[in-house]
Amino acid sequence: FCEVIGSKADMIDTLFTDFKARLKDAQKHNSKRFKTGIAIHSPYSVHP
């Protein structure tokens, strides 16, 4: 589960870009035994 975190509105674009890069890198290794997912850290720490 690649996790996203960040509640500051002015950082959303940067955080989203970083998250997508980590997710894409993890997905390169998808196999029968390894799959990717998405984790939202929490309601208090991630901007809607």
All heavy atoms as atom14 arrays in JSON, in Angstrom:
{
  "sequence": "FCEVIGSKADMIDTLFTDFKARLKDAQKHNSKRFKTGIAIHSPYSVHP",
  "atom14_mask": [
    [1, 1, 1, 1, 1, 1, 1, 1, 1, 1, 1, 0, 0, 0],
    [1, 1, 1, 1, 1, 1, 0, 0, 0, 0, 0, 0, 0, 0],
    [1, 1, 1, 1, 1, 1, 1, 1, 1, 0, 0, 0, 0, 0],
    [1, 1, 1, 1, 1, 1, 1, 0, 0, 0, 0, 0, 0, 0],
    [1, 1, 1, 1, 1, 1, 1, 1, 0, 0, 0, 0, 0, 0],
    [1, 1, 1, 1, 0, 0, 0, 0, 0, 0, 0, 0, 0, 0],
    [1, 1, 1, 1, 1, 1, 0, 0, 0, 0, 0, 0, 0, 0],
    [1, 1, 1, 1, 1, 1, 1, 1, 1, 0, 0, 0, 0, 0],
    [1, 1, 1, 1, 1, 0, 0, 0, 0, 0, 0, 0, 0, 0],
    [1, 1, 1, 1, 1, 1, 1, 1, 0, 0, 0, 0, 0, 0],
    [1, 1, 1, 1, 1, 1, 1, 1, 0, 0, 0, 0, 0, 0],
    [1, 1, 1, 1, 1, 1, 1, 1, 0, 0, 0, 0, 0, 0],
    [1, 1, 1, 1, 1, 1, 1, 1, 0, 0, 0, 0, 0, 0],
    [1, 1, 1, 1, 1, 1, 1, 0, 0, 0, 0, 0, 0, 0],
    [1, 1, 1, 1, 1, 1, 1, 1, 0, 0, 0, 0, 0, 0],
    [1, 1, 1, 1, 1, 1, 1, 1, 1, 1, 1, 0, 0, 0],
    [1, 1, 1, 1, 1, 1, 1, 0, 0, 0, 0, 0, 0, 0],
    [1, 1, 1, 1, 1, 1, 1, 1, 0, 0, 0, 0, 0, 0],
    [1, 1, 1, 1, 1, 1, 1, 1, 1, 1, 1, 0, 0, 0],
    [1, 1, 1, 1, 1, 1, 1, 1, 1, 0, 0, 0, 0, 0],
    [1, 1, 1, 1, 1, 0, 0, 0, 0, 0, 0, 0, 0, 0],
    [1, 1, 1, 1, 1, 1, 1, 1, 1, 1, 1, 0, 0, 0],
    [1, 1, 1, 1, 1, 1, 1, 1, 0, 0, 0, 0, 0, 0],
    [1, 1, 1, 1, 1, 1, 1, 1, 1, 0, 0, 0, 0, 0],
    [1, 1, 1, 1, 1, 1, 1, 1, 0, 0, 0, 0, 0, 0],
    [1, 1, 1, 1, 1, 0, 0, 0, 0, 0, 0, 0, 0, 0],
    [1, 1, 1, 1, 1, 1, 1, 1, 1, 0, 0, 0, 0, 0],
    [1, 1, 1, 1, 1, 1, 1, 1, 1, 0, 0, 0, 0, 0],
    [1, 1, 1, 1, 1, 1, 1, 1, 1, 1, 0, 0, 0, 0],
    [1, 1, 1, 1, 1, 1, 1, 1, 0, 0, 0, 0, 0, 0],
    [1, 1, 1, 1, 1, 1, 0, 0, 0, 0, 0, 0, 0, 0],
    [1, 1, 1, 1, 1, 1, 1, 1, 1, 0, 0, 0, 0, 0],
    [1, 1, 1, 1, 1, 1, 1, 1, 1, 1, 1, 0, 0, 0],
    [1, 1, 1, 1, 1, 1, 1, 1, 1, 1, 1, 0, 0, 0],
    [1, 1, 1, 1, 1, 1, 1, 1, 1, 0, 0, 0, 0, 0],
    [1, 1, 1, 1, 1, 1, 1, 0, 0, 0, 0, 0, 0, 0],
    [1, 1, 1, 1, 0, 0, 0, 0, 0, 0, 0, 0, 0, 0],
    [1, 1, 1, 1, 1, 1, 1, 1, 0, 0, 0, 0, 0, 0],
    [1, 1, 1, 1, 1, 0, 0, 0, 0, 0, 0, 0, 0, 0],
    [1, 1, 1, 1, 1, 1, 1, 1, 0, 0, 0, 0, 0, 0],
    [1, 1, 1, 1, 1, 1, 1, 1, 1, 1, 0, 0, 0, 0],
    [1, 1, 1, 1, 1, 1, 0, 0, 0, 0, 0, 0, 0, 0],
    [1, 1, 1, 1, 1, 1, 1, 0, 0, 0, 0, 0, 0, 0],
    [1, 1, 1, 1, 1, 1, 1, 1, 1, 1, 1, 1, 0, 0],
    [1, 1, 1, 1, 1, 1, 0, 0, 0, 0, 0, 0, 0, 0],
    [1, 1, 1, 1, 1, 1, 1, 0, 0, 0, 0, 0, 0, 0],
    [1, 1, 1, 1, 1, 1, 1, 1, 1, 1, 0, 0, 0, 0],
    [1, 1, 1, 1, 1, 1, 1, 0, 0, 0, 0, 0, 0, 0]
  ],
  "atom14_positions": [
    [[0.84, -1.2, 0.0], [0.0, 0.0, 0.0], [0.87, 1.25, 0.0], [1.47, 1.6, 1.02], [-0.91, 0.02, 1.23], [-2.04, -0.97, 1.19], [-1.95, -2.17, 1.88], [-3.2, -0.69, 0.47], [-3.0, -3.08, 1.85], [-4.25, -1.59, 0.44], [-4.15, -2.79, 1.13], [0.0, 0.0, 0.0], [0.0, 0.0, 0.0], [0.0, 0.0, 0.0]],
    [[0.96, 1.91, -1.14], [1.68, 3.18, -1.21], [0.83, 4.25, -0.51], [-0.32, 4.48, -0.89], [1.93, 3.57, -2.66], [3.05, 2.44, -3.51], [0.0, 0.0, 0.0], [0.0, 0.0, 0.0], [0.0, 0.0, 0.0], [0.0, 0.0, 0.0], [0.0, 0.0, 0.0], [0.0, 0.0, 0.0], [0.0, 0.0, 0.0], [0.0, 0.0, 0.0]],
    [[1.41, 4.88, 0.49], [0.64, 5.79, 1.33], [0.81, 7.24, 0.91], [1.9, 7.69, 0.56], [1.09, 5.64, 2.79], [0.23, 6.42, 3.77], [0.59, 6.11, 5.21], [1.76, 6.34, 5.59], [-0.29, 5.64, 5.96], [0.0, 0.0, 0.0], [0.0, 0.0, 0.0], [0.0, 0.0, 0.0], [0.0, 0.0, 0.0], [0.0, 0.0, 0.0]],
    [[-0.3, 7.97, 0.99], [-0.28, 9.41, 0.73], [-0.59, 10.14, 2.02], [-1.41, 9.7, 2.83], [-1.29, 9.79, -0.38], [-2.73, 9.51, 0.05], [-1.12, 11.24, -0.79], [0.0, 0.0, 0.0], [0.0, 0.0, 0.0], [0.0, 0.0, 0.0], [0.0, 0.0, 0.0], [0.0, 0.0, 0.0], [0.0, 0.0, 0.0], [0.0, 0.0, 0.0]],
    [[0.12, 11.25, 2.24], [-0.09, 12.05, 3.44], [0.16, 13.51, 3.1], [1.0, 13.82, 2.24], [0.85, 11.58, 4.58], [0.52, 12.31, 5.89], [2.31, 11.74, 4.21], [1.23, 11.71, 7.1], [0.0, 0.0, 0.0], [0.0, 0.0, 0.0], [0.0, 0.0, 0.0], [0.0, 0.0, 0.0], [0.0, 0.0, 0.0], [0.0, 0.0, 0.0]],
    [[-0.56, 14.42, 3.74], [-0.37, 15.85, 3.53], [-1.68, 16.6, 3.59], [-2.59, 16.32, 2.82], [0.0, 0.0, 0.0], [0.0, 0.0, 0.0], [0.0, 0.0, 0.0], [0.0, 0.0, 0.0], [0.0, 0.0, 0.0], [0.0, 0.0, 0.0], [0.0, 0.0, 0.0], [0.0, 0.0, 0.0], [0.0, 0.0, 0.0], [0.0, 0.0, 0.0]],
    [[-1.79, 17.56, 4.51], [-3.06, 18.28, 4.69], [-3.0, 19.74, 4.25], [-4.0, 20.45, 4.31], [-3.49, 18.22, 6.15], [-2.53, 18.83, 7.0], [0.0, 0.0, 0.0], [0.0, 0.0, 0.0], [0.0, 0.0, 0.0], [0.0, 0.0, 0.0], [0.0, 0.0, 0.0], [0.0, 0.0, 0.0], [0.0, 0.0, 0.0], [0.0, 0.0, 0.0]],
    [[-1.82, 20.21, 3.81], [-1.7, 21.61, 3.38], [-2.12, 21.75, 1.92], [-1.59, 21.07, 1.04], [-0.27, 22.1, 3.57], [0.16, 22.19, 5.02], [1.48, 22.94, 5.16], [1.28, 24.43, 4.9], [2.49, 25.22, 5.19], [0.0, 0.0, 0.0], [0.0, 0.0, 0.0], [0.0, 0.0, 0.0], [0.0, 0.0, 0.0], [0.0, 0.0, 0.0]],
    [[-3.06, 22.65, 1.68], [-3.63, 22.82, 0.34], [-2.56, 23.21, -0.68], [-2.61, 22.77, -1.84], [-4.74, 23.86, 0.37], [0.0, 0.0, 0.0], [0.0, 0.0, 0.0], [0.0, 0.0, 0.0], [0.0, 0.0, 0.0], [0.0, 0.0, 0.0], [0.0, 0.0, 0.0], [0.0, 0.0, 0.0], [0.0, 0.0, 0.0], [0.0, 0.0, 0.0]],
    [[-1.61, 24.05, -0.27], [-0.61, 24.53, -1.24], [0.45, 23.48, -1.58], [1.32, 23.72, -2.42], [0.06, 25.81, -0.72], [0.76, 25.62, 0.61], [0.63, 24.52, 1.2], [1.43, 26.56, 1.08], [0.0, 0.0, 0.0], [0.0, 0.0, 0.0], [0.0, 0.0, 0.0], [0.0, 0.0, 0.0], [0.0, 0.0, 0.0], [0.0, 0.0, 0.0]],
    [[0.37, 22.32, -0.94], [1.34, 21.25, -1.22], [0.72, 20.08, -1.99], [1.39, 19.09, -2.27], [1.92, 20.72, 0.1], [2.85, 21.69, 0.8], [4.37, 21.96, -0.14], [5.12, 20.34, -0.03], [0.0, 0.0, 0.0], [0.0, 0.0, 0.0], [0.0, 0.0, 0.0], [0.0, 0.0, 0.0], [0.0, 0.0, 0.0], [0.0, 0.0, 0.0]],
    [[-0.56, 20.18, -2.33], [-1.28, 19.05, -2.92], [-0.62, 18.56, -4.21], [-0.4, 17.36, -4.4], [-2.76, 19.42, -3.18], [-3.5, 19.49, -1.85], [-3.42, 18.37, -4.09], [-4.93, 19.96, -1.99], [0.0, 0.0, 0.0], [0.0, 0.0, 0.0], [0.0, 0.0, 0.0], [0.0, 0.0, 0.0], [0.0, 0.0, 0.0], [0.0, 0.0, 0.0]],
    [[-0.28, 19.47, -5.1], [0.3, 19.07, -6.39], [1.62, 18.34, -6.2], [1.88, 17.3, -6.85], [0.51, 20.3, -7.29], [-0.79, 20.87, -7.8], [-1.81, 20.16, -7.75], [-0.8, 22.04, -8.24], [0.0, 0.0, 0.0], [0.0, 0.0, 0.0], [0.0, 0.0, 0.0], [0.0, 0.0, 0.0], [0.0, 0.0, 0.0], [0.0, 0.0, 0.0]],
    [[2.48, 18.86, -5.33], [3.77, 18.23, -5.08], [3.61, 16.85, -4.46], [4.25, 15.88, -4.88], [4.61, 19.12, -4.14], [4.81, 20.4, -4.74], [5.96, 18.47, -3.85], [0.0, 0.0, 0.0], [0.0, 0.0, 0.0], [0.0, 0.0, 0.0], [0.0, 0.0, 0.0], [0.0, 0.0, 0.0], [0.0, 0.0, 0.0], [0.0, 0.0, 0.0]],
    [[2.72, 16.75, -3.48], [2.49, 15.48, -2.8], [1.87, 14.44, -3.74], [2.22, 13.26, -3.69], [1.58, 15.69, -1.59], [2.16, 16.53, -0.46], [1.08, 16.92, 0.54], [3.29, 15.78, 0.24], [0.0, 0.0, 0.0], [0.0, 0.0, 0.0], [0.0, 0.0, 0.0], [0.0, 0.0, 0.0], [0.0, 0.0, 0.0], [0.0, 0.0, 0.0]],
    [[0.97, 14.9, -4.59], [0.32, 13.99, -5.53], [1.33, 13.47, -6.55], [1.33, 12.28, -6.9], [-0.83, 14.71, -6.22], [-1.69, 13.82, -7.09], [-2.12, 12.58, -6.63], [-2.07, 14.22, -8.36], [-2.91, 11.77, -7.42], [-2.86, 13.42, -9.16], [-3.27, 12.18, -8.69], [0.0, 0.0, 0.0], [0.0, 0.0, 0.0], [0.0, 0.0, 0.0]],
    [[2.22, 14.33, -7.0], [3.25, 13.92, -7.96], [4.19, 12.89, -7.33], [4.54, 11.89, -7.96], [4.06, 15.15, -8.42], [3.18, 16.07, -9.08], [5.17, 14.74, -9.37], [0.0, 0.0, 0.0], [0.0, 0.0, 0.0], [0.0, 0.0, 0.0], [0.0, 0.0, 0.0], [0.0, 0.0, 0.0], [0.0, 0.0, 0.0], [0.0, 0.0, 0.0]],
    [[4.59, 13.13, -6.09], [5.46, 12.19, -5.39], [4.76, 10.85, -5.2], [5.36, 9.78, -5.41], [5.85, 12.76, -4.03], [6.62, 11.76, -3.18], [7.79, 11.5, -3.5], [6.03, 11.24, -2.21], [0.0, 0.0, 0.0], [0.0, 0.0, 0.0], [0.0, 0.0, 0.0], [0.0, 0.0, 0.0], [0.0, 0.0, 0.0], [0.0, 0.0, 0.0]],
    [[3.49, 10.89, -4.81], [2.73, 9.65, -4.62], [2.64, 8.85, -5.92], [2.87, 7.63, -5.92], [1.32, 9.97, -4.1], [0.38, 8.81, -4.22], [0.41, 7.78, -3.29], [-0.52, 8.72, -5.27], [-0.44, 6.68, -3.42], [-1.37, 7.65, -5.4], [-1.33, 6.61, -4.48], [0.0, 0.0, 0.0], [0.0, 0.0, 0.0], [0.0, 0.0, 0.0]],
    [[2.32, 9.5, -7.0], [2.18, 8.8, -8.28], [3.49, 8.16, -8.71], [3.5, 7.06, -9.27], [1.69, 9.77, -9.36], [0.22, 10.14, -9.24], [-0.29, 10.91, -10.45], [0.34, 12.27, -10.56], [-0.23, 13.04, -11.71], [0.0, 0.0, 0.0], [0.0, 0.0, 0.0], [0.0, 0.0, 0.0], [0.0, 0.0, 0.0], [0.0, 0.0, 0.0]],
    [[4.6, 8.84, -8.42], [5.91, 8.28, -8.79], [6.2, 7.01, -7.98], [6.68, 6.01, -8.52], [7.0, 9.32, -8.55], [0.0, 0.0, 0.0], [0.0, 0.0, 0.0], [0.0, 0.0, 0.0], [0.0, 0.0, 0.0], [0.0, 0.0, 0.0], [0.0, 0.0, 0.0], [0.0, 0.0, 0.0], [0.0, 0.0, 0.0], [0.0, 0.0, 0.0]],
    [[5.9, 7.04, -6.67], [6.13, 5.86, -5.83], [5.21, 4.72, -6.24], [5.64, 3.56, -6.27], [5.91, 6.22, -4.36], [7.04, 7.0, -3.75], [6.89, 7.18, -2.24], [5.82, 8.1, -1.9], [4.7, 7.76, -1.28], [4.49, 6.5, -0.94], [3.78, 8.67, -1.0], [0.0, 0.0, 0.0], [0.0, 0.0, 0.0], [0.0, 0.0, 0.0]],
    [[3.96, 5.03, -6.54], [3.02, 3.99, -6.96], [3.47, 3.36, -8.27], [3.47, 2.13, -8.41], [1.62, 4.59, -7.12], [0.52, 3.62, -7.57], [0.27, 2.56, -6.52], [-0.78, 4.39, -7.88], [0.0, 0.0, 0.0], [0.0, 0.0, 0.0], [0.0, 0.0, 0.0], [0.0, 0.0, 0.0], [0.0, 0.0, 0.0], [0.0, 0.0, 0.0]],
    [[3.86, 4.19, -9.23], [4.3, 3.68, -10.53], [5.53, 2.8, -10.38], [5.64, 1.74, -11.02], [4.59, 4.84, -11.47], [4.95, 4.42, -12.89], [5.14, 5.64, -13.79], [5.49, 5.22, -15.2], [5.69, 6.41, -16.09], [0.0, 0.0, 0.0], [0.0, 0.0, 0.0], [0.0, 0.0, 0.0], [0.0, 0.0, 0.0], [0.0, 0.0, 0.0]],
    [[6.45, 3.21, -9.51], [7.67, 2.43, -9.3], [7.33, 1.07, -8.68], [7.88, 0.03, -9.08], [8.63, 3.19, -8.4], [9.93, 2.44, -8.2], [10.63, 2.18, -9.19], [10.25, 2.11, -7.04], [0.0, 0.0, 0.0], [0.0, 0.0, 0.0], [0.0, 0.0, 0.0], [0.0, 0.0, 0.0], [0.0, 0.0, 0.0], [0.0, 0.0, 0.0]],
    [[6.41, 1.06, -7.71], [6.02, -0.21, -7.07], [5.3, -1.12, -8.05], [5.5, -2.34, -8.06], [5.13, 0.07, -5.86], [0.0, 0.0, 0.0], [0.0, 0.0, 0.0], [0.0, 0.0, 0.0], [0.0, 0.0, 0.0], [0.0, 0.0, 0.0], [0.0, 0.0, 0.0], [0.0, 0.0, 0.0], [0.0, 0.0, 0.0], [0.0, 0.0, 0.0]],
    [[4.48, -0.54, -8.92], [3.7, -1.34, -9.87], [4.56, -2.04, -10.91], [4.13, -3.01, -11.52], [2.65, -0.46, -10.55], [1.5, -0.09, -9.62], [0.49, 0.82, -10.27], [0.86, 1.74, -11.03], [-0.78, 0.61, -10.0], [0.0, 0.0, 0.0], [0.0, 0.0, 0.0], [0.0, 0.0, 0.0], [0.0, 0.0, 0.0], [0.0, 0.0, 0.0]],
    [[5.79, -1.57, -11.1], [6.7, -2.25, -12.01], [6.99, -3.68, -11.55], [7.39, -4.53, -12.35], [8.03, -1.48, -12.1], [7.93, -0.11, -12.75], [9.29, 0.58, -12.7], [9.22, 1.99, -13.23], [10.53, 2.7, -13.08], [0.0, 0.0, 0.0], [0.0, 0.0, 0.0], [0.0, 0.0, 0.0], [0.0, 0.0, 0.0], [0.0, 0.0, 0.0]],
    [[6.8, -3.93, -10.27], [7.15, -5.22, -9.7], [5.94, -6.13, -9.49], [6.08, -7.19, -8.88], [7.86, -5.01, -8.36], [9.07, -4.13, -8.44], [10.27, -4.56, -8.94], [9.25, -2.82, -8.11], [11.16, -3.58, -8.9], [10.56, -2.52, -8.4], [0.0, 0.0, 0.0], [0.0, 0.0, 0.0], [0.0, 0.0, 0.0], [0.0, 0.0, 0.0]],
    [[4.78, -5.72, -9.99], [3.59, -6.54, -9.81], [3.81, -7.97, -10.32], [4.39, -8.17, -11.39], [2.4, -5.93, -10.54], [1.74, -4.81, -9.74], [2.04, -4.61, -8.56], [0.83, -4.09, -10.36], [0.0, 0.0, 0.0], [0.0, 0.0, 0.0], [0.0, 0.0, 0.0], [0.0, 0.0, 0.0], [0.0, 0.0, 0.0], [0.0, 0.0, 0.0]],
    [[3.36, -8.93, -9.54], [3.52, -10.34, -9.9], [2.41, -11.13, -9.2], [1.53, -10.55, -8.57], [4.89, -10.85, -9.45], [4.99, -10.83, -8.03], [0.0, 0.0, 0.0], [0.0, 0.0, 0.0], [0.0, 0.0, 0.0], [0.0, 0.0, 0.0], [0.0, 0.0, 0.0], [0.0, 0.0, 0.0], [0.0, 0.0, 0.0], [0.0, 0.0, 0.0]],
    [[2.48, -12.44, -9.3], [1.5, -13.28, -8.6], [1.57, -13.04, -7.1], [0.57, -13.15, -6.41], [1.75, -14.76, -8.89], [1.37, -15.2, -10.3], [1.46, -16.71, -10.44], [2.88, -17.22, -10.22], [2.99, -18.69, -10.46], [0.0, 0.0, 0.0], [0.0, 0.0, 0.0], [0.0, 0.0, 0.0], [0.0, 0.0, 0.0], [0.0, 0.0, 0.0]],
    [[2.75, -12.73, -6.61], [2.96, -12.61, -5.17], [2.96, -11.18, -4.66], [2.78, -10.94, -3.46], [4.31, -13.29, -4.83], [4.59, -13.47, -3.37], [6.02, -13.88, -3.14], [6.98, -13.02, -3.83], [7.3, -11.8, -3.43], [6.73, -11.28, -2.37], [8.18, -11.09, -4.1], [0.0, 0.0, 0.0], [0.0, 0.0, 0.0], [0.0, 0.0, 0.0]],
    [[3.14, -10.23, -5.55], [3.29, -8.84, -5.14], [2.3, -7.97, -5.91], [2.32, -7.95, -7.15], [4.72, -8.37, -5.4], [5.01, -6.95, -4.98], [5.51, -6.67, -3.73], [4.78, -5.89, -5.85], [5.78, -5.36, -3.33], [5.03, -4.58, -5.48], [5.54, -4.31, -4.21], [0.0, 0.0, 0.0], [0.0, 0.0, 0.0], [0.0, 0.0, 0.0]],
    [[1.43, -7.27, -5.19], [0.46, -6.36, -5.8], [0.51, -5.02, -5.08], [0.88, -4.95, -3.9], [-0.97, -6.92, -5.71], [-1.16, -8.31, -6.29], [-1.04, -8.33, -7.8], [-1.32, -9.72, -8.36], [-1.06, -9.79, -9.81], [0.0, 0.0, 0.0], [0.0, 0.0, 0.0], [0.0, 0.0, 0.0], [0.0, 0.0, 0.0], [0.0, 0.0, 0.0]],
    [[0.11, -3.98, -5.77], [0.1, -2.66, -5.15], [-1.31, -2.25, -4.75], [-2.3, -2.72, -5.31], [0.66, -1.6, -6.12], [0.02, -1.74, -7.38], [2.15, -1.76, -6.28], [0.0, 0.0, 0.0], [0.0, 0.0, 0.0], [0.0, 0.0, 0.0], [0.0, 0.0, 0.0], [0.0, 0.0, 0.0], [0.0, 0.0, 0.0], [0.0, 0.0, 0.0]],
    [[-1.37, -1.39, -3.75], [-2.61, -0.8, -3.3], [-2.36, 0.64, -2.91], [-1.24, 1.16, -3.06], [0.0, 0.0, 0.0], [0.0, 0.0, 0.0], [0.0, 0.0, 0.0], [0.0, 0.0, 0.0], [0.0, 0.0, 0.0], [0.0, 0.0, 0.0], [0.0, 0.0, 0.0], [0.0, 0.0, 0.0], [0.0, 0.0, 0.0], [0.0, 0.0, 0.0]],
    [[-3.38, 1.28, -2.39], [-3.29, 2.7, -2.01], [-3.69, 2.86, -0.55], [-4.72, 2.31, -0.12], [-4.17, 3.57, -2.91], [-3.56, 3.65, -4.31], [-4.37, 4.96, -2.32], [-4.41, 4.39, -5.31], [0.0, 0.0, 0.0], [0.0, 0.0, 0.0], [0.0, 0.0, 0.0], [0.0, 0.0, 0.0], [0.0, 0.0, 0.0], [0.0, 0.0, 0.0]],
    [[-2.89, 3.59, 0.21], [-3.21, 3.91, 1.59], [-3.38, 5.42, 1.75], [-2.52, 6.2, 1.33], [-2.12, 3.42, 2.53], [0.0, 0.0, 0.0], [0.0, 0.0, 0.0], [0.0, 0.0, 0.0], [0.0, 0.0, 0.0], [0.0, 0.0, 0.0], [0.0, 0.0, 0.0], [0.0, 0.0, 0.0], [0.0, 0.0, 0.0], [0.0, 0.0, 0.0]],
    [[-4.51, 5.81, 2.32], [-4.74, 7.19, 2.74], [-4.35, 7.24, 4.2], [-4.91, 6.51, 5.01], [-6.22, 7.6, 2.58], [-6.76, 7.22, 1.2], [-6.41, 9.07, 2.9], [-6.13, 7.96, 0.05], [0.0, 0.0, 0.0], [0.0, 0.0, 0.0], [0.0, 0.0, 0.0], [0.0, 0.0, 0.0], [0.0, 0.0, 0.0], [0.0, 0.0, 0.0]],
    [[-3.42, 8.11, 4.58], [-2.92, 8.03, 5.96], [-4.04, 8.14, 6.98], [-4.22, 7.25, 7.82], [-1.86, 9.09, 6.23], [-1.3, 8.99, 7.62], [-1.84, 9.67, 8.69], [-0.28, 8.26, 8.13], [-1.17, 9.38, 9.79], [-0.21, 8.52, 9.47], [0.0, 0.0, 0.0], [0.0, 0.0, 0.0], [0.0, 0.0, 0.0], [0.0, 0.0, 0.0]],
    [[-4.82, 9.21, 6.95], [-5.9, 9.41, 7.92], [-6.7, 10.64, 7.54], [-6.24, 11.48, 6.75], [-5.33, 9.59, 9.34], [-4.61, 10.81, 9.41], [0.0, 0.0, 0.0], [0.0, 0.0, 0.0], [0.0, 0.0, 0.0], [0.0, 0.0, 0.0], [0.0, 0.0, 0.0], [0.0, 0.0, 0.0], [0.0, 0.0, 0.0], [0.0, 0.0, 0.0]],
    [[-7.89, 10.82, 8.12], [-8.68, 12.02, 7.81], [-8.04, 13.3, 8.31], [-8.27, 14.37, 7.73], [-10.02, 11.76, 8.51], [-9.77, 10.68, 9.49], [-8.65, 9.86, 8.93], [0.0, 0.0, 0.0], [0.0, 0.0, 0.0], [0.0, 0.0, 0.0], [0.0, 0.0, 0.0], [0.0, 0.0, 0.0], [0.0, 0.0, 0.0], [0.0, 0.0, 0.0]],
    [[-7.22, 13.23, 9.36], [-6.63, 14.47, 9.88], [-5.37, 14.87, 9.13], [-4.93, 16.01, 9.24], [-6.33, 14.34, 11.38], [-5.25, 13.36, 11.76], [-3.9, 13.71, 11.71], [-5.57, 12.09, 12.22], [-2.91, 12.81, 12.07], [-4.59, 11.19, 12.6], [-3.26, 11.55, 12.52], [-2.28, 10.66, 12.89], [0.0, 0.0, 0.0], [0.0, 0.0, 0.0]],
    [[-4.78, 13.96, 8.35], [-3.47, 14.23, 7.77], [-3.46, 14.3, 6.25], [-2.4, 14.52, 5.66], [-2.47, 13.16, 8.22], [-2.88, 11.9, 7.75], [0.0, 0.0, 0.0], [0.0, 0.0, 0.0], [0.0, 0.0, 0.0], [0.0, 0.0, 0.0], [0.0, 0.0, 0.0], [0.0, 0.0, 0.0], [0.0, 0.0, 0.0], [0.0, 0.0, 0.0]],
    [[-4.6, 14.1, 5.6], [-4.65, 14.16, 4.13], [-5.78, 15.1, 3.71], [-6.93, 14.91, 4.11], [-4.86, 12.76, 3.5], [-4.71, 12.85, 1.97], [-3.88, 11.75, 4.07], [0.0, 0.0, 0.0], [0.0, 0.0, 0.0], [0.0, 0.0, 0.0], [0.0, 0.0, 0.0], [0.0, 0.0, 0.0], [0.0, 0.0, 0.0], [0.0, 0.0, 0.0]],
    [[-5.44, 16.09, 2.9], [-6.43, 17.05, 2.44], [-7.47, 16.34, 1.56], [-7.1, 15.49, 0.75], [-5.74, 18.16, 1.64], [-6.59, 19.37, 1.44], [-7.62, 19.42, 0.51], [-6.58, 20.59, 2.06], [-8.2, 20.6, 0.56], [-7.58, 21.34, 1.49], [0.0, 0.0, 0.0], [0.0, 0.0, 0.0], [0.0, 0.0, 0.0], [0.0, 0.0, 0.0]],
    [[-8.76, 16.66, 1.72], [-9.79, 15.98, 0.92], [-9.58, 16.07, -0.58], [-9.94, 15.14, -1.31], [-11.1, 16.65, 1.36], [-10.7, 17.89, 2.1], [-9.36, 17.63, 2.67], [0.0, 0.0, 0.0], [0.0, 0.0, 0.0], [0.0, 0.0, 0.0], [0.0, 0.0, 0.0], [0.0, 0.0, 0.0], [0.0, 0.0, 0.0], [0.0, 0.0, 0.0]]
  ]
}
